[in-house]
Amino acid sequence: METELITITEYCFKYDIEPEFIISLEDSGIISLTMVESEKFIHIRQFGELDKYIHLHYDLQINIEGIDAIRHLLEKVDAMQQEIQELKNQLHIHQ
């Protein structure tokens, strides 16, 4: 299976964003980059998340710390929704 990667430089040029933003996301542990021969790459599977973070930062003026807090809260909401669905399924079994 072939891995699909794009350099930070290419990605930033295509989406007109600063490379420092991508590096800040990595430094904060929000995304992970792949190092290949001293150059950092973004994996295609992270594009969807990265698009959200770009919107939050550039359109809504939310800083990296805010993005991390939002990401954490959304993960908790997803976990609670899954738990609610599991409880609903169990309730239907016992009825």
Protein backbone atom coordinates (compact mmCIF):
# COMPACT_ATOMS: atom_id res chain seq x y z
CA MET A 1 0.00 0.00 0.00
CA GLU A 2 1.50 3.30 -1.08
CA THR A 3 1.61 6.15 1.42
CA GLU A 4 0.39 9.50 0.16
CA LEU A 5 2.36 12.43 1.53
CA ILE A 6 2.71 16.10 0.62
CA THR A 7 5.44 18.45 1.76
CA ILE A 8 4.52 21.24 4.13
CA THR A 9 5.79 23.72 1.54
CA GLU A 10 3.49 22.37 -1.18
CA TYR A 11 0.49 22.22 1.14
CA CYS A 12 1.02 25.75 2.42
CA PHE A 13 1.49 27.12 -1.08
CA LYS A 14 -1.66 25.39 -2.33
CA TYR A 15 -3.82 26.61 0.60
CA ASP A 16 -2.07 29.98 1.08
CA ILE A 17 -1.15 29.45 4.72
CA GLU A 18 2.02 29.93 6.75
CA PRO A 19 4.28 26.88 7.28
CA GLU A 20 4.78 28.06 10.88
CA PHE A 21 1.10 27.32 11.51
CA ILE A 22 1.57 23.67 10.50
CA ILE A 23 4.72 23.41 12.63
CA SER A 24 2.86 24.93 15.60
CA LEU A 25 0.11 22.32 15.23
CA GLU A 26 2.74 19.59 15.30
CA ASP A 27 4.59 21.15 18.26
CA SER A 28 1.30 21.21 20.18
CA GLY A 29 0.61 17.54 19.39
CA ILE A 30 -2.50 18.39 17.38
CA ILE A 31 -1.18 16.77 14.19
CA SER A 32 1.77 14.54 13.42
CA LEU A 33 4.11 15.04 10.52
CA THR A 34 6.24 12.46 8.76
CA MET A 35 9.96 13.12 8.35
CA VAL A 36 11.53 11.84 5.12
CA GLU A 37 15.13 12.73 4.42
CA SER A 38 15.14 15.92 6.55
CA GLU A 39 11.84 17.19 5.10
CA LYS A 40 8.49 17.13 6.87
CA PHE A 41 5.40 15.79 5.13
CA ILE A 42 1.67 15.78 5.85
CA HIS A 43 -0.16 12.50 5.36
CA ILE A 44 -3.31 12.69 3.22
CA ARG A 45 -5.42 11.21 6.06
CA GLN A 46 -4.88 14.43 8.05
CA PHE A 47 -6.21 16.78 5.36
CA GLY A 48 -9.77 16.83 6.72
CA GLU A 49 -8.67 17.72 10.23
CA LEU A 50 -6.14 20.21 8.94
CA ASP A 51 -8.85 21.97 6.92
CA LYS A 52 -10.86 22.42 10.14
CA TYR A 53 -7.85 23.82 11.98
CA ILE A 54 -7.09 26.23 9.13
CA HIS A 55 -10.69 27.48 9.24
CA LEU A 56 -10.57 27.93 13.01
CA HIS A 57 -7.27 29.79 12.90
CA TYR A 58 -7.49 31.92 9.75
CA ASP A 59 -11.24 32.56 9.51
CA LEU A 60 -12.20 32.64 13.20
CA GLN A 61 -8.88 33.93 14.59
CA ILE A 62 -8.55 31.10 17.14
CA ASN A 63 -5.01 30.49 18.39
CA ILE A 64 -3.27 27.11 18.67
CA GLU A 65 -4.24 26.69 22.32
CA GLY A 66 -7.88 27.36 21.46
CA ILE A 67 -7.75 24.87 18.60
CA ASP A 68 -6.33 22.25 20.96
CA ALA A 69 -9.10 22.94 23.51
CA ILE A 70 -11.80 22.73 20.82
CA ARG A 71 -10.31 19.49 19.48
CA HIS A 72 -10.26 17.99 22.98
CA LEU A 73 -13.88 18.98 23.67
CA LEU A 74 -15.06 17.58 20.32
CA GLU A 75 -13.33 14.28 21.10
CA LYS A 76 -15.19 14.16 24.43
CA VAL A 77 -18.51 14.91 22.72
CA ASP A 78 -17.88 12.10 20.21
CA ALA A 79 -17.06 9.68 23.04
CA MET A 80 -20.24 10.65 24.91
CA GLN A 81 -22.34 10.24 21.76
CA GLN A 82 -20.91 6.76 21.27
CA GLU A 83 -21.65 5.93 24.90
CA ILE A 84 -25.24 7.19 24.56
CA GLN A 85 -25.72 5.05 21.45
CA GLU A 86 -24.38 1.99 23.26
CA LEU A 87 -26.72 2.63 26.19
CA LYS A 88 -29.67 3.02 23.81
CA ASN A 89 -28.76 -0.28 22.17
CA GLN A 90 -28.57 -2.00 25.55
CA LEU A 91 -31.92 -0.49 26.55
CA HIS A 92 -33.56 -1.87 23.42
CA ILE A 93 -32.16 -5.33 24.16
CA HIS A 94 -33.69 -5.33 27.66
CA GLN A 95 -37.14 -4.17 26.61
